[in-house]
Amino acid sequence: MSSRVEKRLRIRQRDDVERGMAKLNPKTMKYLGIRDFVEVVIAGKKRLRFRALALEGVPEGEVWANAQELRERGVADRTIATVRRPLNQV
């Protein structure tokens, strides 16, 4: 059984991100092995899945997602979350 690579990152609410999308730094995406989708787990209870988009302007320690969508799902700005590649992504 292989170990999963995951990283603790800060979730930021951004109005310039489309619903269902998450923007990450390309170096972070490469480290985590993310190609298409990213899974965000908050406090081991809320599991969110977004289509991943690489953007150099995103700091390595952050994930940007749509502000309205995060508020609807009960996620506050600057929340620390575990970010990883989804299990079914090969």
PDB file of N, CA and C in Angstrom:
ATOM      1  N   MET A   1       0.845  -1.182   0.000  1.00  0.00           N
ATOM      2  CA  MET A   1       0.000   0.000   0.000  1.00  0.00           C
ATOM      3  C   MET A   1       0.884   1.237   0.000  1.00  0.00           C
ATOM      4  N   SER A   2       0.669   2.107  -0.971  1.00  0.00           N
ATOM      5  CA  SER A   2       1.488   3.305  -1.062  1.00  0.00           C
ATOM      6  C   SER A   2       0.923   4.397  -0.147  1.00  0.00           C
ATOM      7  N   SER A   3       1.822   5.229   0.347  1.00  0.00           N
ATOM      8  CA  SER A   3       1.378   6.315   1.212  1.00  0.00           C
ATOM      9  C   SER A   3       0.891   7.478   0.343  1.00  0.00           C
ATOM     10  N   ARG A   4      -0.113   8.161   0.827  1.00  0.00           N
ATOM     11  CA  ARG A   4      -0.675   9.311   0.109  1.00  0.00           C
ATOM     12  C   ARG A   4       0.077  10.561   0.505  1.00  0.00           C
ATOM     13  N   VAL A   5       0.376  11.380  -0.473  1.00  0.00           N
ATOM     14  CA  VAL A   5       1.029  12.657  -0.212  1.00  0.00           C
ATOM     15  C   VAL A   5      -0.058  13.690   0.023  1.00  0.00           C
ATOM     16  N   GLU A   6       0.039  14.366   1.142  1.00  0.00           N
ATOM     17  CA  GLU A   6      -0.922  15.424   1.459  1.00  0.00           C
ATOM     18  C   GLU A   6      -0.189  16.553   2.159  1.00  0.00           C
ATOM     19  N   LYS A   7      -0.819  17.709   2.173  1.00  0.00           N
ATOM     20  CA  LYS A   7      -0.185  18.897   2.734  1.00  0.00           C
ATOM     21  C   LYS A   7      -1.240  19.767   3.387  1.00  0.00           C
ATOM     22  N   ARG A   8      -0.880  20.415   4.486  1.00  0.00           N
ATOM     23  CA  ARG A   8      -1.784  21.336   5.170  1.00  0.00           C
ATOM     24  C   ARG A   8      -1.614  22.717   4.539  1.00  0.00           C
ATOM     25  N   LEU A   9      -2.716  23.231   3.973  1.00  0.00           N
ATOM     26  CA  LEU A   9      -2.692  24.528   3.308  1.00  0.00           C
ATOM     27  C   LEU A   9      -3.842  25.399   3.817  1.00  0.00           C
ATOM     28  N   ARG A  10      -3.714  26.682   3.582  1.00  0.00           N
ATOM     29  CA  ARG A  10      -4.740  27.638   3.993  1.00  0.00           C
ATOM     30  C   ARG A  10      -5.706  27.856   2.831  1.00  0.00           C
ATOM     31  N   ILE A  11      -7.018  27.727   3.102  1.00  0.00           N
ATOM     32  CA  ILE A  11      -8.050  27.950   2.093  1.00  0.00           C
ATOM     33  C   ILE A  11      -8.412  29.425   2.093  1.00  0.00           C
ATOM     34  N   ARG A  12      -8.365  30.038   0.906  1.00  0.00           N
ATOM     35  CA  ARG A  12      -8.703  31.458   0.789  1.00  0.00           C
ATOM     36  C   ARG A  12      -9.940  31.627  -0.084  1.00  0.00           C
ATOM     37  N   GLN A  13     -10.832  32.492   0.357  1.00  0.00           N
ATOM     38  CA  GLN A  13     -12.046  32.805  -0.405  1.00  0.00           C
ATOM     39  C   GLN A  13     -11.702  33.894  -1.410  1.00  0.00           C
ATOM     40  N   ARG A  14     -11.945  33.619  -2.690  1.00  0.00           N
ATOM     41  CA  ARG A  14     -11.653  34.585  -3.749  1.00  0.00           C
ATOM     42  C   ARG A  14     -12.841  34.700  -4.683  1.00  0.00           C
ATOM     43  N   ASP A  15     -13.218  35.926  -5.014  1.00  0.00           N
ATOM     44  CA  ASP A  15     -14.338  36.154  -5.924  1.00  0.00           C
ATOM     45  C   ASP A  15     -13.960  35.920  -7.382  1.00  0.00           C
ATOM     46  N   ASP A  16     -12.663  35.928  -7.702  1.00  0.00           N
ATOM     47  CA  ASP A  16     -12.227  35.766  -9.089  1.00  0.00           C
ATOM     48  C   ASP A  16     -12.061  34.301  -9.508  1.00  0.00           C
ATOM     49  N   VAL A  17     -12.434  33.366  -8.643  1.00  0.00           N
ATOM     50  CA  VAL A  17     -12.345  31.934  -8.954  1.00  0.00           C
ATOM     51  C   VAL A  17     -13.745  31.420  -9.267  1.00  0.00           C
ATOM     52  N   GLU A  18     -13.876  30.652 -10.338  1.00  0.00           N
ATOM     53  CA  GLU A  18     -15.180  30.098 -10.724  1.00  0.00           C
ATOM     54  C   GLU A  18     -15.619  29.028  -9.732  1.00  0.00           C
ATOM     55  N   ARG A  19     -16.940  28.820  -9.652  1.00  0.00           N
ATOM     56  CA  ARG A  19     -17.484  27.770  -8.793  1.00  0.00           C
ATOM     57  C   ARG A  19     -16.970  26.414  -9.267  1.00  0.00           C
ATOM     58  N   GLY A  20     -16.639  25.551  -8.315  1.00  0.00           N
ATOM     59  CA  GLY A  20     -16.163  24.210  -8.645  1.00  0.00           C
ATOM     60  C   GLY A  20     -14.688  24.143  -8.989  1.00  0.00           C
ATOM     61  N   MET A  21     -14.009  25.284  -8.960  1.00  0.00           N
ATOM     62  CA  MET A  21     -12.585  25.346  -9.294  1.00  0.00           C
ATOM     63  C   MET A  21     -11.772  25.713  -8.063  1.00  0.00           C
ATOM     64  N   ALA A  22     -10.514  25.303  -8.066  1.00  0.00           N
ATOM     65  CA  ALA A  22      -9.563  25.710  -7.037  1.00  0.00           C
ATOM     66  C   ALA A  22      -8.254  26.051  -7.732  1.00  0.00           C
ATOM     67  N   LYS A  23      -7.652  27.151  -7.347  1.00  0.00           N
ATOM     68  CA  LYS A  23      -6.370  27.560  -7.914  1.00  0.00           C
ATOM     69  C   LYS A  23      -5.274  27.236  -6.916  1.00  0.00           C
ATOM     70  N   LEU A  24      -4.222  26.576  -7.426  1.00  0.00           N
ATOM     71  CA  LEU A  24      -3.074  26.200  -6.605  1.00  0.00           C
ATOM     72  C   LEU A  24      -1.796  26.605  -7.316  1.00  0.00           C
ATOM     73  N   ASN A  25      -0.726  26.727  -6.558  1.00  0.00           N
ATOM     74  CA  ASN A  25       0.583  26.980  -7.117  1.00  0.00           C
ATOM     75  C   ASN A  25       1.046  25.730  -7.876  1.00  0.00           C
ATOM     76  N   PRO A  26       1.645  25.890  -9.070  1.00  0.00           N
ATOM     77  CA  PRO A  26       2.096  24.721  -9.840  1.00  0.00           C
ATOM     78  C   PRO A  26       3.084  23.821  -9.088  1.00  0.00           C
ATOM     79  N   LYS A  27       3.947  24.405  -8.249  1.00  0.00           N
ATOM     80  CA  LYS A  27       4.896  23.598  -7.475  1.00  0.00           C
ATOM     81  C   LYS A  27       4.161  22.720  -6.466  1.00  0.00           C
ATOM     82  N   THR A  28       3.121  23.262  -5.848  1.00  0.00           N
ATOM     83  CA  THR A  28       2.312  22.493  -4.895  1.00  0.00           C
ATOM     84  C   THR A  28       1.595  21.363  -5.611  1.00  0.00           C
ATOM     85  N   MET A  29       1.052  21.654  -6.789  1.00  0.00           N
ATOM     86  CA  MET A  29       0.355  20.624  -7.564  1.00  0.00           C
ATOM     87  C   MET A  29       1.309  19.490  -7.943  1.00  0.00           C
ATOM     88  N   LYS A  30       2.525  19.837  -8.335  1.00  0.00           N
ATOM     89  CA  LYS A  30       3.508  18.811  -8.703  1.00  0.00           C
ATOM     90  C   LYS A  30       3.879  17.963  -7.485  1.00  0.00           C
ATOM     91  N   TYR A  31       4.108  18.598  -6.342  1.00  0.00           N
ATOM     92  CA  TYR A  31       4.460  17.883  -5.115  1.00  0.00           C
ATOM     93  C   TYR A  31       3.368  16.890  -4.710  1.00  0.00           C
ATOM     94  N   LEU A  32       2.103  17.319  -4.828  1.00  0.00           N
ATOM     95  CA  LEU A  32       0.975  16.475  -4.429  1.00  0.00           C
ATOM     96  C   LEU A  32       0.541  15.493  -5.519  1.00  0.00           C
ATOM     97  N   GLY A  33       1.074  15.648  -6.728  1.00  0.00           N
ATOM     98  CA  GLY A  33       0.712  14.763  -7.827  1.00  0.00           C
ATOM     99  C   GLY A  33      -0.667  15.054  -8.400  1.00  0.00           C
ATOM    100  N   ILE A  34      -1.113  16.299  -8.287  1.00  0.00           N
ATOM    101  CA  ILE A  34      -2.444  16.698  -8.750  1.00  0.00           C
ATOM    102  C   ILE A  34      -2.377  17.061 -10.227  1.00  0.00           C
ATOM    103  N   ARG A  35      -3.316  16.493 -11.003  1.00  0.00           N
ATOM    104  CA  ARG A  35      -3.416  16.833 -12.423  1.00  0.00           C
ATOM    105  C   ARG A  35      -4.754  17.499 -12.727  1.00  0.00           C
ATOM    106  N   ASP A  36      -5.858  16.864 -12.346  1.00  0.00           N
ATOM    107  CA  ASP A  36      -7.182  17.373 -12.704  1.00  0.00           C
ATOM    108  C   ASP A  36      -7.993  17.862 -11.508  1.00  0.00           C
ATOM    109  N   PHE A  37      -8.018  17.061 -10.452  1.00  0.00           N
ATOM    110  CA  PHE A  37      -8.866  17.375  -9.301  1.00  0.00           C
ATOM    111  C   PHE A  37      -8.048  17.426  -8.019  1.00  0.00           C
ATOM    112  N   VAL A  38      -8.564  18.183  -7.045  1.00  0.00           N
ATOM    113  CA  VAL A  38      -7.948  18.299  -5.731  1.00  0.00           C
ATOM    114  C   VAL A  38      -9.025  18.023  -4.683  1.00  0.00           C
ATOM    115  N   GLU A  39      -8.636  17.345  -3.620  1.00  0.00           N
ATOM    116  CA  GLU A  39      -9.549  17.058  -2.509  1.00  0.00           C
ATOM    117  C   GLU A  39      -9.099  17.876  -1.306  1.00  0.00           C
ATOM    118  N   VAL A  40     -10.046  18.576  -0.701  1.00  0.00           N
ATOM    119  CA  VAL A  40      -9.776  19.430   0.458  1.00  0.00           C
ATOM    120  C   VAL A  40     -10.570  18.867   1.629  1.00  0.00           C
ATOM    121  N   VAL A  41      -9.870  18.515   2.727  1.00  0.00           N
ATOM    122  CA  VAL A  41     -10.525  17.953   3.904  1.00  0.00           C
ATOM    123  C   VAL A  41     -10.320  18.915   5.067  1.00  0.00           C
ATOM    124  N   ILE A  42     -11.433  19.325   5.683  1.00  0.00           N
ATOM    125  CA  ILE A  42     -11.383  20.286   6.777  1.00  0.00           C
ATOM    126  C   ILE A  42     -11.778  19.590   8.067  1.00  0.00           C
ATOM    127  N   ALA A  43     -10.859  19.553   9.005  1.00  0.00           N
ATOM    128  CA  ALA A  43     -11.073  18.973  10.336  1.00  0.00           C
ATOM    129  C   ALA A  43     -11.556  17.529  10.269  1.00  0.00           C
ATOM    130  N   GLY A  44     -11.218  16.829   9.210  1.00  0.00           N
ATOM    131  CA  GLY A  44     -11.597  15.428   9.078  1.00  0.00           C
ATOM    132  C   GLY A  44     -13.082  15.206   8.868  1.00  0.00           C
ATOM    133  N   LYS A  45     -13.857  16.271   8.691  1.00  0.00           N
ATOM    134  CA  LYS A  45     -15.310  16.148   8.587  1.00  0.00           C
ATOM    135  C   LYS A  45     -15.829  16.590   7.235  1.00  0.00           C
ATOM    136  N   LYS A  46     -15.400  17.743   6.772  1.00  0.00           N
ATOM    137  CA  LYS A  46     -15.882  18.258   5.483  1.00  0.00           C
ATOM    138  C   LYS A  46     -14.890  17.874   4.399  1.00  0.00           C
ATOM    139  N   ARG A  47     -15.390  17.190   3.389  1.00  0.00           N
ATOM    140  CA  ARG A  47     -14.552  16.786   2.262  1.00  0.00           C
ATOM    141  C   ARG A  47     -15.092  17.453   1.007  1.00  0.00           C
ATOM    142  N   LEU A  48     -14.268  18.307   0.400  1.00  0.00           N
ATOM    143  CA  LEU A  48     -14.660  19.055  -0.788  1.00  0.00           C
ATOM    144  C   LEU A  48     -13.762  18.644  -1.950  1.00  0.00           C
ATOM    145  N   ARG A  49     -14.335  18.606  -3.130  1.00  0.00           N
ATOM    146  CA  ARG A  49     -13.564  18.237  -4.318  1.00  0.00           C
ATOM    147  C   ARG A  49     -13.726  19.349  -5.360  1.00  0.00           C
ATOM    148  N   PHE A  50     -12.589  19.791  -5.895  1.00  0.00           N
ATOM    149  CA  PHE A  50     -12.575  20.866  -6.875  1.00  0.00           C
ATOM    150  C   PHE A  50     -11.747  20.460  -8.088  1.00  0.00           C
ATOM    151  N   ARG A  51     -12.045  21.091  -9.237  1.00  0.00           N
ATOM    152  CA  ARG A  51     -11.187  20.953 -10.411  1.00  0.00           C
ATOM    153  C   ARG A  51      -9.992  21.872 -10.172  1.00  0.00           C
ATOM    154  N   ALA A  52      -8.783  21.344 -10.310  1.00  0.00           N
ATOM    155  CA  ALA A  52      -7.571  22.087  -9.997  1.00  0.00           C
ATOM    156  C   ALA A  52      -7.074  22.889 -11.197  1.00  0.00           C
ATOM    157  N   LEU A  53      -6.594  24.096 -10.911  1.00  0.00           N
ATOM    158  CA  LEU A  53      -6.053  24.972 -11.931  1.00  0.00           C
ATOM    159  C   LEU A  53      -4.741  25.560 -11.399  1.00  0.00           C
ATOM    160  N   ALA A  54      -3.675  25.430 -12.177  1.00  0.00           N
ATOM    161  CA  ALA A  54      -2.364  25.945 -11.765  1.00  0.00           C
ATOM    162  C   ALA A  54      -2.276  27.438 -12.055  1.00  0.00           C
ATOM    163  N   LEU A  55      -1.782  28.185 -11.085  1.00  0.00           N
ATOM    164  CA  LEU A  55      -1.608  29.630 -11.248  1.00  0.00           C
ATOM    165  C   LEU A  55      -0.393  30.068 -10.435  1.00  0.00           C
ATOM    166  N   GLU A  56       0.587  30.651 -11.126  1.00  0.00           N
ATOM    167  CA  GLU A  56       1.826  31.081 -10.468  1.00  0.00           C
ATOM    168  C   GLU A  56       1.591  32.102  -9.359  1.00  0.00           C
ATOM    169  N   GLY A  57       0.545  32.911  -9.468  1.00  0.00           N
ATOM    170  CA  GLY A  57       0.286  33.967  -8.494  1.00  0.00           C
ATOM    171  C   GLY A  57      -0.209  33.479  -7.139  1.00  0.00           C
ATOM    172  N   VAL A  58      -0.556  32.208  -7.040  1.00  0.00           N
ATOM    173  CA  VAL A  58      -1.045  31.658  -5.776  1.00  0.00           C
ATOM    174  C   VAL A  58       0.157  31.284  -4.906  1.00  0.00           C
ATOM    175  N   PRO A  59       0.218  31.762  -3.664  1.00  0.00           N
ATOM    176  CA  PRO A  59       1.314  31.365  -2.771  1.00  0.00           C
ATOM    177  C   PRO A  59       1.309  29.844  -2.550  1.00  0.00           C
ATOM    178  N   GLU A  60       2.482  29.276  -2.322  1.00  0.00           N
ATOM    179  CA  GLU A  60       2.602  27.823  -2.170  1.00  0.00           C
ATOM    180  C   GLU A  60       1.814  27.277  -0.983  1.00  0.00           C
ATOM    181  N   GLY A  61       1.551  28.073   0.013  1.00  0.00           N
ATOM    182  CA  GLY A  61       0.844  27.605   1.195  1.00  0.00           C
ATOM    183  C   GLY A  61      -0.653  27.856   1.184  1.00  0.00           C
ATOM    184  N   GLU A  62      -1.199  28.192  -0.008  1.00  0.00           N
ATOM    185  CA  GLU A  62      -2.622  28.526  -0.082  1.00  0.00           C
ATOM    186  C   GLU A  62      -3.321  27.795  -1.223  1.00  0.00           C
ATOM    187  N   VAL A  63      -4.642  27.665  -1.082  1.00  0.00           N
ATOM    188  CA  VAL A  63      -5.534  27.196  -2.139  1.00  0.00           C
ATOM    189  C   VAL A  63      -6.621  28.246  -2.256  1.00  0.00           C
ATOM    190  N   TRP A  64      -6.888  28.712  -3.479  1.00  0.00           N
ATOM    191  CA  TRP A  64      -7.931  29.706  -3.685  1.00  0.00           C
ATOM    192  C   TRP A  64      -9.168  29.029  -4.255  1.00  0.00           C
ATOM    193  N   ALA A  65     -10.340  29.347  -3.702  1.00  0.00           N
ATOM    194  CA  ALA A  65     -11.610  28.803  -4.190  1.00  0.00           C
ATOM    195  C   ALA A  65     -12.663  29.912  -4.173  1.00  0.00           C
ATOM    196  N   ASN A  66     -13.793  29.656  -4.816  1.00  0.00           N
ATOM    197  CA  ASN A  66     -14.866  30.634  -4.930  1.00  0.00           C
ATOM    198  C   ASN A  66     -15.420  30.988  -3.545  1.00  0.00           C
ATOM    199  N   ALA A  67     -15.475  32.296  -3.247  1.00  0.00           N
ATOM    200  CA  ALA A  67     -15.899  32.763  -1.924  1.00  0.00           C
ATOM    201  C   ALA A  67     -17.334  32.351  -1.607  1.00  0.00           C
ATOM    202  N   GLN A  68     -18.251  32.555  -2.545  1.00  0.00           N
ATOM    203  CA  GLN A  68     -19.660  32.223  -2.303  1.00  0.00           C
ATOM    204  C   GLN A  68     -19.840  30.722  -2.048  1.00  0.00           C
ATOM    205  N   GLU A  69     -19.166  29.893  -2.836  1.00  0.00           N
ATOM    206  CA  GLU A  69     -19.276  28.437  -2.682  1.00  0.00           C
ATOM    207  C   GLU A  69     -18.748  27.981  -1.320  1.00  0.00           C
ATOM    208  N   LEU A  70     -17.618  28.547  -0.892  1.00  0.00           N
ATOM    209  CA  LEU A  70     -17.066  28.171   0.411  1.00  0.00           C
ATOM    210  C   LEU A  70     -17.996  28.595   1.545  1.00  0.00           C
ATOM    211  N   ARG A  71     -18.574  29.784   1.441  1.00  0.00           N
ATOM    212  CA  ARG A  71     -19.514  30.230   2.481  1.00  0.00           C
ATOM    213  C   ARG A  71     -20.728  29.314   2.547  1.00  0.00           C
ATOM    214  N   GLU A  72     -21.248  28.903   1.386  1.00  0.00           N
ATOM    215  CA  GLU A  72     -22.398  27.992   1.355  1.00  0.00           C
ATOM    216  C   GLU A  72     -22.075  26.656   2.011  1.00  0.00           C
ATOM    217  N   ARG A  73     -20.834  26.234   1.910  1.00  0.00           N
ATOM    218  CA  ARG A  73     -20.413  24.950   2.485  1.00  0.00           C
ATOM    219  C   ARG A  73     -19.893  25.089   3.916  1.00  0.00           C
ATOM    220  N   GLY A  74     -19.934  26.311   4.455  1.00  0.00           N
ATOM    221  CA  GLY A  74     -19.549  26.542   5.846  1.00  0.00           C
ATOM    222  C   GLY A  74     -18.058  26.585   6.092  1.00  0.00           C
ATOM    223  N   VAL A  75     -17.298  27.035   5.101  1.00  0.00           N
ATOM    224  CA  VAL A  75     -15.844  27.118   5.238  1.00  0.00           C
ATOM    225  C   VAL A  75     -15.443  28.586   5.323  1.00  0.00           C
ATOM    226  N   ALA A  76     -14.807  28.958   6.409  1.00  0.00           N
ATOM    227  CA  ALA A  76     -14.377  30.342   6.616  1.00  0.00           C
ATOM    228  C   ALA A  76     -13.082  30.627   5.858  1.00  0.00           C
ATOM    229  N   ASP A  77     -12.859  31.906   5.565  1.00  0.00           N
ATOM    230  CA  ASP A  77     -11.622  32.337   4.918  1.00  0.00           C
ATOM    231  C   ASP A  77     -10.444  32.052   5.852  1.00  0.00           C
ATOM    232  N   ARG A  78      -9.325  31.665   5.281  1.00  0.00           N
ATOM    233  CA  ARG A  78      -8.072  31.367   5.996  1.00  0.00           C
ATOM    234  C   ARG A  78      -8.145  30.093   6.844  1.00  0.00           C
ATOM    235  N   THR A  79      -9.057  29.202   6.540  1.00  0.00           N
ATOM    236  CA  THR A  79      -9.150  27.930   7.250  1.00  0.00           C
ATOM    237  C   THR A  79      -7.999  27.019   6.829  1.00  0.00           C
ATOM    238  N   ILE A  80      -7.404  26.325   7.788  1.00  0.00           N
ATOM    239  CA  ILE A  80      -6.355  25.353   7.492  1.00  0.00           C
ATOM    240  C   ILE A  80      -7.024  24.031   7.131  1.00  0.00           C
ATOM    241  N   ALA A  81      -6.581  23.420   6.033  1.00  0.00           N
ATOM    242  CA  ALA A  81      -7.180  22.170   5.573  1.00  0.00           C
ATOM    243  C   ALA A  81      -6.098  21.248   5.024  1.00  0.00           C
ATOM    244  N   THR A  82      -6.400  19.959   4.983  1.00  0.00           N
ATOM    245  CA  THR A  82      -5.524  18.981   4.366  1.00  0.00           C
ATOM    246  C   THR A  82      -5.886  18.907   2.886  1.00  0.00           C
ATOM    247  N   VAL A  83      -4.893  19.075   2.039  1.00  0.00           N
ATOM    248  CA  VAL A  83      -5.108  19.069   0.594  1.00  0.00           C
ATOM    249  C   VAL A  83      -4.351  17.895   0.013  1.00  0.00           C
ATOM    250  N   ARG A  84      -5.011  17.141  -0.892  1.00  0.00           N
ATOM    251  CA  ARG A  84      -4.389  15.967  -1.487  1.00  0.00           C
ATOM    252  C   ARG A  84      -5.027  15.637  -2.828  1.00  0.00           C
ATOM    253  N   ARG A  85      -4.401  14.712  -3.517  1.00  0.00           N
ATOM    254  CA  ARG A  85      -4.965  14.203  -4.773  1.00  0.00           C
ATOM    255  C   ARG A  85      -6.061  13.214  -4.418  1.00  0.00           C
ATOM    256  N   PRO A  86      -7.213  13.264  -5.100  1.00  0.00           N
ATOM    257  CA  PRO A  86      -8.286  12.303  -4.807  1.00  0.00           C
ATOM    258  C   PRO A  86      -7.822  10.862  -5.055  1.00  0.00           C
ATOM    259  N   LEU A  87      -8.421   9.926  -4.347  1.00  0.00           N
ATOM    260  CA  LEU A  87      -8.041   8.515  -4.464  1.00  0.00           C
ATOM    261  C   LEU A  87      -8.202   7.970  -5.871  1.00  0.00           C
ATOM    262  N   ASN A  88      -9.292   8.303  -6.550  1.00  0.00           N
ATOM    263  CA  ASN A  88      -9.554   7.707  -7.839  1.00  0.00           C
ATOM    264  C   ASN A  88      -8.819   8.372  -8.992  1.00  0.00           C
ATOM    265  N   GLN A  89      -7.973   9.362  -8.733  1.00  0.00           N
ATOM    266  CA  GLN A  89      -7.184  10.000  -9.785  1.00  0.00           C
ATOM    267  C   GLN A  89      -5.897   9.206  -9.961  1.00  0.00           C
ATOM    268  N   VAL A  90      -5.691   8.666 -11.109  1.00  0.00           N
ATOM    269  CA  VAL A  90      -4.502   7.812 -11.355  1.00  0.00           C
ATOM    270  C   VAL A  90      -3.351   8.627 -11.853  1.00  0.00           C
TER     271      VAL A  90
END
